[in-house]
PDB file of N, CA and C in Angstrom:
ATOM      1  N   UNK A   1      87.269  86.464  57.606  1.00  0.00           N
ATOM      2  CA  UNK A   1      88.132  85.536  56.926  1.00  0.00           C
ATOM      3  C   UNK A   1      87.316  84.716  55.942  1.00  0.00           C
ATOM      4  N   UNK A   2      87.840  84.513  54.788  1.00  0.00           N
ATOM      5  CA  UNK A   2      87.163  83.760  53.722  1.00  0.00           C
ATOM      6  C   UNK A   2      87.340  82.263  53.987  1.00  0.00           C
ATOM      7  N   UNK A   3      86.233  81.544  53.960  1.00  0.00           N
ATOM      8  CA  UNK A   3      86.267  80.092  54.138  1.00  0.00           C
ATOM      9  C   UNK A   3      85.835  79.440  52.837  1.00  0.00           C
ATOM     10  N   UNK A   4      86.744  78.659  52.261  1.00  0.00           N
ATOM     11  CA  UNK A   4      86.424  77.989  51.004  1.00  0.00           C
ATOM     12  C   UNK A   4      85.558  76.771  51.272  1.00  0.00           C
ATOM     13  N   UNK A   5      84.496  76.644  50.542  1.00  0.00           N
ATOM     14  CA  UNK A   5      83.592  75.511  50.660  1.00  0.00           C
ATOM     15  C   UNK A   5      84.106  74.336  49.840  1.00  0.00           C
ATOM     16  N   UNK A   6      83.797  73.151  50.309  1.00  0.00           N
ATOM     17  CA  UNK A   6      84.181  71.932  49.556  1.00  0.00           C
ATOM     18  C   UNK A   6      83.401  71.926  48.242  1.00  0.00           C
ATOM     19  N   UNK A   7      84.103  71.670  47.178  1.00  0.00           N
ATOM     20  CA  UNK A   7      83.459  71.596  45.856  1.00  0.00           C
ATOM     21  C   UNK A   7      83.589  70.189  45.343  1.00  0.00           C
ATOM     22  N   UNK A   8      82.702  69.366  45.817  1.00  0.00           N
ATOM     23  CA  UNK A   8      82.659  67.953  45.409  1.00  0.00           C
ATOM     24  C   UNK A   8      81.427  67.792  44.545  1.00  0.00           C
ATOM     25  N   UNK A   9      81.641  67.378  43.319  1.00  0.00           N
ATOM     26  CA  UNK A   9      80.559  67.245  42.356  1.00  0.00           C
ATOM     27  C   UNK A   9      79.864  65.879  42.536  1.00  0.00           C
ATOM     28  N   UNK A  10      78.935  65.850  43.469  1.00  0.00           N
ATOM     29  CA  UNK A  10      78.200  64.620  43.772  1.00  0.00           C
ATOM     30  C   UNK A  10      76.886  64.981  44.429  1.00  0.00           C
ATOM     31  N   UNK A  11      75.812  64.431  43.899  1.00  0.00           N
ATOM     32  CA  UNK A  11      74.487  64.741  44.448  1.00  0.00           C
ATOM     33  C   UNK A  11      74.340  64.271  45.882  1.00  0.00           C
ATOM     34  N   UNK A  12      74.875  63.089  46.183  1.00  0.00           N
ATOM     35  CA  UNK A  12      74.739  62.550  47.543  1.00  0.00           C
ATOM     36  C   UNK A  12      75.516  63.404  48.515  1.00  0.00           C
ATOM     37  N   UNK A  13      76.731  63.815  48.155  1.00  0.00           N
ATOM     38  CA  UNK A  13      77.514  64.684  49.016  1.00  0.00           C
ATOM     39  C   UNK A  13      76.816  66.017  49.217  1.00  0.00           C
ATOM     40  N   UNK A  14      76.323  66.603  48.123  1.00  0.00           N
ATOM     41  CA  UNK A  14      75.638  67.893  48.204  1.00  0.00           C
ATOM     42  C   UNK A  14      74.387  67.817  49.091  1.00  0.00           C
ATOM     43  N   UNK A  15      73.719  66.692  49.101  1.00  0.00           N
ATOM     44  CA  UNK A  15      72.547  66.496  49.937  1.00  0.00           C
ATOM     45  C   UNK A  15      72.925  66.318  51.406  1.00  0.00           C
ATOM     46  N   UNK A  16      74.012  65.583  51.677  1.00  0.00           N
ATOM     47  CA  UNK A  16      74.430  65.277  53.052  1.00  0.00           C
ATOM     48  C   UNK A  16      75.171  66.432  53.706  1.00  0.00           C
ATOM     49  N   UNK A  17      75.881  67.218  52.930  1.00  0.00           N
ATOM     50  CA  UNK A  17      76.745  68.254  53.487  1.00  0.00           C
ATOM     51  C   UNK A  17      76.001  69.244  54.416  1.00  0.00           C
ATOM     52  N   UNK A  18      74.852  69.781  54.006  1.00  0.00           N
ATOM     53  CA  UNK A  18      74.163  70.710  54.921  1.00  0.00           C
ATOM     54  C   UNK A  18      73.685  70.004  56.202  1.00  0.00           C
ATOM     55  N   UNK A  19      73.293  68.762  56.097  1.00  0.00           N
ATOM     56  CA  UNK A  19      72.855  68.003  57.263  1.00  0.00           C
ATOM     57  C   UNK A  19      74.033  67.813  58.225  1.00  0.00           C
ATOM     58  N   UNK A  20      75.185  67.425  57.651  1.00  0.00           N
ATOM     59  CA  UNK A  20      76.386  67.200  58.461  1.00  0.00           C
ATOM     60  C   UNK A  20      76.859  68.502  59.106  1.00  0.00           C
ATOM     61  N   UNK A  21      76.810  69.598  58.358  1.00  0.00           N
ATOM     62  CA  UNK A  21      77.215  70.892  58.917  1.00  0.00           C
ATOM     63  C   UNK A  21      76.300  71.303  60.059  1.00  0.00           C
ATOM     64  N   UNK A  22      75.003  71.030  59.932  1.00  0.00           N
ATOM     65  CA  UNK A  22      74.046  71.336  60.992  1.00  0.00           C
ATOM     66  C   UNK A  22      74.372  70.546  62.264  1.00  0.00           C
ATOM     67  N   UNK A  23      74.635  69.261  62.102  1.00  0.00           N
ATOM     68  CA  UNK A  23      74.957  68.413  63.247  1.00  0.00           C
ATOM     69  C   UNK A  23      76.280  68.884  63.877  1.00  0.00           C
ATOM     70  N   UNK A  24      77.244  69.227  63.039  1.00  0.00           N
ATOM     71  CA  UNK A  24      78.551  69.716  63.542  1.00  0.00           C
ATOM     72  C   UNK A  24      78.355  71.007  64.339  1.00  0.00           C
ATOM     73  N   UNK A  25      77.519  71.898  63.854  1.00  0.00           N
ATOM     74  CA  UNK A  25      77.215  73.133  64.602  1.00  0.00           C
ATOM     75  C   UNK A  25      76.595  72.823  65.959  1.00  0.00           C
ATOM     76  N   UNK A  26      75.724  71.835  65.984  1.00  0.00           N
ATOM     77  CA  UNK A  26      75.083  71.435  67.243  1.00  0.00           C
ATOM     78  C   UNK A  26      76.115  70.846  68.228  1.00  0.00           C
ATOM     79  N   UNK A  27      77.069  70.081  67.703  1.00  0.00           N
ATOM     80  CA  UNK A  27      78.142  69.560  68.538  1.00  0.00           C
ATOM     81  C   UNK A  27      78.926  70.724  69.144  1.00  0.00           C
ATOM     82  N   UNK A  28      79.281  71.681  68.329  1.00  0.00           N
ATOM     83  CA  UNK A  28      80.083  72.831  68.779  1.00  0.00           C
ATOM     84  C   UNK A  28      79.353  73.669  69.811  1.00  0.00           C
ATOM     85  N   UNK A  29      78.034  73.748  69.712  1.00  0.00           N
ATOM     86  CA  UNK A  29      77.250  74.577  70.632  1.00  0.00           C
ATOM     87  C   UNK A  29      76.828  73.832  71.902  1.00  0.00           C
ATOM     88  N   UNK A  30      76.858  72.505  71.860  1.00  0.00           N
ATOM     89  CA  UNK A  30      76.404  71.705  73.003  1.00  0.00           C
ATOM     90  C   UNK A  30      77.322  71.909  74.199  1.00  0.00           C
ATOM     91  N   UNK A  31      76.741  71.880  75.377  1.00  0.00           N
ATOM     92  CA  UNK A  31      77.507  72.008  76.628  1.00  0.00           C
ATOM     93  C   UNK A  31      77.794  70.611  77.161  1.00  0.00           C
ATOM     94  N   UNK A  32      79.016  70.388  77.528  1.00  0.00           N
ATOM     95  CA  UNK A  32      79.403  69.133  78.147  1.00  0.00           C
ATOM     96  C   UNK A  32      79.549  67.996  77.170  1.00  0.00           C
ATOM     97  N   UNK A  33      80.288  66.993  77.630  1.00  0.00           N
ATOM     98  CA  UNK A  33      80.593  65.853  76.777  1.00  0.00           C
ATOM     99  C   UNK A  33      79.342  65.045  76.440  1.00  0.00           C
ATOM    100  N   UNK A  34      78.447  64.903  77.399  1.00  0.00           N
ATOM    101  CA  UNK A  34      77.228  64.118  77.180  1.00  0.00           C
ATOM    102  C   UNK A  34      76.396  64.711  76.036  1.00  0.00           C
ATOM    103  N   UNK A  35      76.215  66.018  76.056  1.00  0.00           N
ATOM    104  CA  UNK A  35      75.454  66.677  74.994  1.00  0.00           C
ATOM    105  C   UNK A  35      76.142  66.569  73.641  1.00  0.00           C
ATOM    106  N   UNK A  36      77.436  66.750  73.639  1.00  0.00           N
ATOM    107  CA  UNK A  36      78.196  66.642  72.376  1.00  0.00           C
ATOM    108  C   UNK A  36      78.142  65.218  71.832  1.00  0.00           C
ATOM    109  N   UNK A  37      78.206  64.228  72.730  1.00  0.00           N
ATOM    110  CA  UNK A  37      78.208  62.833  72.292  1.00  0.00           C
ATOM    111  C   UNK A  37      76.912  62.449  71.639  1.00  0.00           C
ATOM    112  N   UNK A  38      75.822  62.986  72.123  1.00  0.00           N
ATOM    113  CA  UNK A  38      74.515  62.690  71.502  1.00  0.00           C
ATOM    114  C   UNK A  38      74.509  63.127  70.039  1.00  0.00           C
ATOM    115  N   UNK A  39      75.044  64.297  69.780  1.00  0.00           N
ATOM    116  CA  UNK A  39      75.111  64.774  68.404  1.00  0.00           C
ATOM    117  C   UNK A  39      76.195  64.062  67.608  1.00  0.00           C
ATOM    118  N   UNK A  40      77.261  63.626  68.272  1.00  0.00           N
ATOM    119  CA  UNK A  40      78.324  62.891  67.594  1.00  0.00           C
ATOM    120  C   UNK A  40      77.798  61.565  67.053  1.00  0.00           C
ATOM    121  N   UNK A  41      76.886  60.941  67.780  1.00  0.00           N
ATOM    122  CA  UNK A  41      76.267  59.711  67.281  1.00  0.00           C
ATOM    123  C   UNK A  41      75.450  59.969  66.030  1.00  0.00           C
ATOM    124  N   UNK A  42      74.773  61.100  65.997  1.00  0.00           N
ATOM    125  CA  UNK A  42      74.004  61.505  64.815  1.00  0.00           C
ATOM    126  C   UNK A  42      74.983  61.794  63.650  1.00  0.00           C
ATOM    127  N   UNK A  43      76.108  62.413  63.973  1.00  0.00           N
ATOM    128  CA  UNK A  43      77.104  62.701  62.941  1.00  0.00           C
ATOM    129  C   UNK A  43      77.613  61.388  62.332  1.00  0.00           C
ATOM    130  N   UNK A  44      77.847  60.385  63.137  1.00  0.00           N
ATOM    131  CA  UNK A  44      78.297  59.081  62.624  1.00  0.00           C
ATOM    132  C   UNK A  44      77.280  58.534  61.610  1.00  0.00           C
ATOM    133  N   UNK A  45      76.004  58.624  61.962  1.00  0.00           N
ATOM    134  CA  UNK A  45      74.956  58.116  61.065  1.00  0.00           C
ATOM    135  C   UNK A  45      74.993  58.835  59.712  1.00  0.00           C
ATOM    136  N   UNK A  46      75.106  60.136  59.752  1.00  0.00           N
ATOM    137  CA  UNK A  46      75.101  60.940  58.520  1.00  0.00           C
ATOM    138  C   UNK A  46      76.359  60.703  57.679  1.00  0.00           C
ATOM    139  N   UNK A  47      77.495  60.548  58.347  1.00  0.00           N
ATOM    140  CA  UNK A  47      78.755  60.295  57.637  1.00  0.00           C
ATOM    141  C   UNK A  47      78.733  58.887  57.023  1.00  0.00           C
ATOM    142  N   UNK A  48      78.100  57.947  57.724  1.00  0.00           N
ATOM    143  CA  UNK A  48      78.010  56.583  57.198  1.00  0.00           C
ATOM    144  C   UNK A  48      77.294  56.523  55.852  1.00  0.00           C
ATOM    145  N   UNK A  49      76.371  57.456  55.626  1.00  0.00           N
ATOM    146  CA  UNK A  49      75.685  57.538  54.327  1.00  0.00           C
ATOM    147  C   UNK A  49      76.709  57.761  53.227  1.00  0.00           C
ATOM    148  N   UNK A  50      77.677  58.626  53.483  1.00  0.00           N
ATOM    149  CA  UNK A  50      78.711  58.918  52.472  1.00  0.00           C
ATOM    150  C   UNK A  50      79.725  57.793  52.362  1.00  0.00           C
ATOM    151  N   UNK A  51      80.103  57.219  53.481  1.00  0.00           N
ATOM    152  CA  UNK A  51      81.112  56.159  53.455  1.00  0.00           C
ATOM    153  C   UNK A  51      80.590  54.846  52.861  1.00  0.00           C
ATOM    154  N   UNK A  52      79.283  54.676  52.872  1.00  0.00           N
ATOM    155  CA  UNK A  52      78.700  53.457  52.302  1.00  0.00           C
ATOM    156  C   UNK A  52      78.035  53.727  50.950  1.00  0.00           C
ATOM    157  N   UNK A  53      78.430  54.795  50.290  1.00  0.00           N
ATOM    158  CA  UNK A  53      77.842  55.220  49.033  1.00  0.00           C
ATOM    159  C   UNK A  53      77.992  54.109  47.960  1.00  0.00           C
ATOM    160  N   UNK A  54      76.891  53.767  47.360  1.00  0.00           N
ATOM    161  CA  UNK A  54      76.909  52.723  46.318  1.00  0.00           C
ATOM    162  C   UNK A  54      77.466  53.263  44.991  1.00  0.00           C
ATOM    163  N   UNK A  55      77.547  54.589  44.853  1.00  0.00           N
ATOM    164  CA  UNK A  55      78.098  55.204  43.648  1.00  0.00           C
ATOM    165  C   UNK A  55      79.600  55.450  43.730  1.00  0.00           C
ATOM    166  N   UNK A  56      80.244  55.001  44.800  1.00  0.00           N
ATOM    167  CA  UNK A  56      81.675  55.246  45.000  1.00  0.00           C
ATOM    168  C   UNK A  56      82.507  54.660  43.860  1.00  0.00           C
ATOM    169  N   UNK A  57      83.415  55.495  43.354  1.00  0.00           N
ATOM    170  CA  UNK A  57      84.336  55.065  42.299  1.00  0.00           C
ATOM    171  C   UNK A  57      85.753  55.417  42.761  1.00  0.00           C
ATOM    172  N   UNK A  58      86.576  54.410  42.927  1.00  0.00           N
ATOM    173  CA  UNK A  58      87.907  54.611  43.492  1.00  0.00           C
ATOM    174  C   UNK A  58      88.784  55.514  42.621  1.00  0.00           C
ATOM    175  N   UNK A  59      88.491  55.620  41.333  1.00  0.00           N
ATOM    176  CA  UNK A  59      89.293  56.470  40.467  1.00  0.00           C
ATOM    177  C   UNK A  59      88.830  57.932  40.459  1.00  0.00           C
ATOM    178  N   UNK A  60      87.706  58.223  41.065  1.00  0.00           N
ATOM    179  CA  UNK A  60      87.154  59.561  41.074  1.00  0.00           C
ATOM    180  C   UNK A  60      87.781  60.416  42.177  1.00  0.00           C
ATOM    181  N   UNK A  61      88.309  61.585  41.821  1.00  0.00           N
ATOM    182  CA  UNK A  61      88.878  62.504  42.822  1.00  0.00           C
ATOM    183  C   UNK A  61      87.788  63.003  43.749  1.00  0.00           C
ATOM    184  N   UNK A  62      86.600  63.264  43.225  1.00  0.00           N
ATOM    185  CA  UNK A  62      85.490  63.689  44.072  1.00  0.00           C
ATOM    186  C   UNK A  62      85.167  62.632  45.141  1.00  0.00           C
ATOM    187  N   UNK A  63      85.146  61.371  44.728  1.00  0.00           N
ATOM    188  CA  UNK A  63      84.866  60.287  45.668  1.00  0.00           C
ATOM    189  C   UNK A  63      85.979  60.162  46.715  1.00  0.00           C
ATOM    190  N   UNK A  64      87.223  60.287  46.257  1.00  0.00           N
ATOM    191  CA  UNK A  64      88.356  60.216  47.201  1.00  0.00           C
ATOM    192  C   UNK A  64      88.288  61.340  48.218  1.00  0.00           C
ATOM    193  N   UNK A  65      87.980  62.560  47.753  1.00  0.00           N
ATOM    194  CA  UNK A  65      87.884  63.698  48.657  1.00  0.00           C
ATOM    195  C   UNK A  65      86.715  63.548  49.634  1.00  0.00           C
ATOM    196  N   UNK A  66      85.613  63.071  49.118  1.00  0.00           N
ATOM    197  CA  UNK A  66      84.428  62.841  49.962  1.00  0.00           C
ATOM    198  C   UNK A  66      84.754  61.835  51.064  1.00  0.00           C
ATOM    199  N   UNK A  67      85.396  60.734  50.701  1.00  0.00           N
ATOM    200  CA  UNK A  67      85.729  59.715  51.697  1.00  0.00           C
ATOM    201  C   UNK A  67      86.772  60.238  52.696  1.00  0.00           C
ATOM    202  N   UNK A  68      87.734  61.002  52.234  1.00  0.00           N
ATOM    203  CA  UNK A  68      88.720  61.575  53.137  1.00  0.00           C
ATOM    204  C   UNK A  68      88.034  62.477  54.185  1.00  0.00           C
ATOM    205  N   UNK A  69      87.205  63.397  53.704  1.00  0.00           N
ATOM    206  CA  UNK A  69      86.488  64.296  54.611  1.00  0.00           C
ATOM    207  C   UNK A  69      85.602  63.490  55.550  1.00  0.00           C
ATOM    208  N   UNK A  70      84.915  62.523  55.022  1.00  0.00           N
ATOM    209  CA  UNK A  70      83.997  61.707  55.831  1.00  0.00           C
ATOM    210  C   UNK A  70      84.737  60.908  56.884  1.00  0.00           C
ATOM    211  N   UNK A  71      85.901  60.379  56.549  1.00  0.00           N
ATOM    212  CA  UNK A  71      86.698  59.618  57.508  1.00  0.00           C
ATOM    213  C   UNK A  71      87.198  60.527  58.622  1.00  0.00           C
ATOM    214  N   UNK A  72      87.561  61.749  58.321  1.00  0.00           N
ATOM    215  CA  UNK A  72      87.988  62.709  59.351  1.00  0.00           C
ATOM    216  C   UNK A  72      86.823  63.027  60.287  1.00  0.00           C
ATOM    217  N   UNK A  73      85.667  63.214  59.718  1.00  0.00           N
ATOM    218  CA  UNK A  73      84.483  63.506  60.530  1.00  0.00           C
ATOM    219  C   UNK A  73      84.112  62.303  61.403  1.00  0.00           C
ATOM    220  N   UNK A  74      84.265  61.106  60.853  1.00  0.00           N
ATOM    221  CA  UNK A  74      83.955  59.898  61.613  1.00  0.00           C
ATOM    222  C   UNK A  74      84.937  59.753  62.792  1.00  0.00           C
ATOM    223  N   UNK A  75      86.198  60.044  62.567  1.00  0.00           N
ATOM    224  CA  UNK A  75      87.185  59.984  63.651  1.00  0.00           C
ATOM    225  C   UNK A  75      86.872  61.001  64.745  1.00  0.00           C
ATOM    226  N   UNK A  76      86.449  62.188  64.327  1.00  0.00           N
ATOM    227  CA  UNK A  76      86.076  63.222  65.285  1.00  0.00           C
ATOM    228  C   UNK A  76      84.885  62.751  66.142  1.00  0.00           C
ATOM    229  N   UNK A  77      83.874  62.196  65.479  1.00  0.00           N
ATOM    230  CA  UNK A  77      82.715  61.701  66.199  1.00  0.00           C
ATOM    231  C   UNK A  77      83.122  60.590  67.191  1.00  0.00           C
ATOM    232  N   UNK A  78      83.983  59.702  66.736  1.00  0.00           N
ATOM    233  CA  UNK A  78      84.437  58.592  67.602  1.00  0.00           C
ATOM    234  C   UNK A  78      85.186  59.128  68.829  1.00  0.00           C
ATOM    235  N   UNK A  79      86.004  60.155  68.652  1.00  0.00           N
ATOM    236  CA  UNK A  79      86.721  60.741  69.782  1.00  0.00           C
ATOM    237  C   UNK A  79      85.771  61.334  70.813  1.00  0.00           C
ATOM    238  N   UNK A  80      84.755  62.008  70.344  1.00  0.00           N
ATOM    239  CA  UNK A  80      83.765  62.592  71.259  1.00  0.00           C
ATOM    240  C   UNK A  80      83.029  61.505  72.018  1.00  0.00           C
ATOM    241  N   UNK A  81      82.654  60.443  71.337  1.00  0.00           N
ATOM    242  CA  UNK A  81      81.940  59.348  71.966  1.00  0.00           C
ATOM    243  C   UNK A  81      82.849  58.645  72.981  1.00  0.00           C
ATOM    244  N   UNK A  82      84.122  58.470  72.647  1.00  0.00           N
ATOM    245  CA  UNK A  82      85.078  57.865  73.607  1.00  0.00           C
ATOM    246  C   UNK A  82      85.223  58.748  74.833  1.00  0.00           C
ATOM    247  N   UNK A  83      85.254  60.055  74.641  1.00  0.00           N
ATOM    248  CA  UNK A  83      85.372  60.973  75.780  1.00  0.00           C
ATOM    249  C   UNK A  83      84.168  60.847  76.688  1.00  0.00           C
ATOM    250  N   UNK A  84      82.998  60.620  76.129  1.00  0.00           N
ATOM    251  CA  UNK A  84      81.773  60.408  76.915  1.00  0.00           C
ATOM    252  C   UNK A  84      81.945  59.156  77.808  1.00  0.00           C
ATOM    253  N   UNK A  85      82.476  58.091  77.228  1.00  0.00           N
ATOM    254  CA  UNK A  85      82.665  56.855  77.987  1.00  0.00           C
ATOM    255  C   UNK A  85      83.687  57.041  79.097  1.00  0.00           C
ATOM    256  N   UNK A  86      84.721  57.833  78.836  1.00  0.00           N
ATOM    257  CA  UNK A  86      85.747  58.075  79.847  1.00  0.00           C
ATOM    258  C   UNK A  86      85.199  58.930  81.012  1.00  0.00           C
ATOM    259  N   UNK A  87      84.243  59.767  80.693  1.00  0.00           N
ATOM    260  CA  UNK A  87      83.689  60.674  81.697  1.00  0.00           C
ATOM    261  C   UNK A  87      82.839  59.925  82.740  1.00  0.00           C
ATOM    262  N   UNK A  88      82.295  58.805  82.350  1.00  0.00           N
ATOM    263  CA  UNK A  88      81.404  58.060  83.263  1.00  0.00           C
ATOM    264  C   UNK A  88      82.134  57.451  84.412  1.00  0.00           C
TER     265      UNK A  88
END
């Protein structure tokens, strides 16, 4: 199946995207909630780089798409971390 890659024209996004994908792969491969949560915390850190971007322009479609994707990833990380707390 063909998977279309995000085409966001931004150096910061292009730099962070492979790092975020690597962390996401680690979350998917980790066993148990505790292992996934450790990587989810790292995902939050990496996503925060994009959400706190000093070059953000509200009128830019690339910036809007970047923030949308980043917010979804942040919510995912938060859910995993909450699941860890519930497991205790």
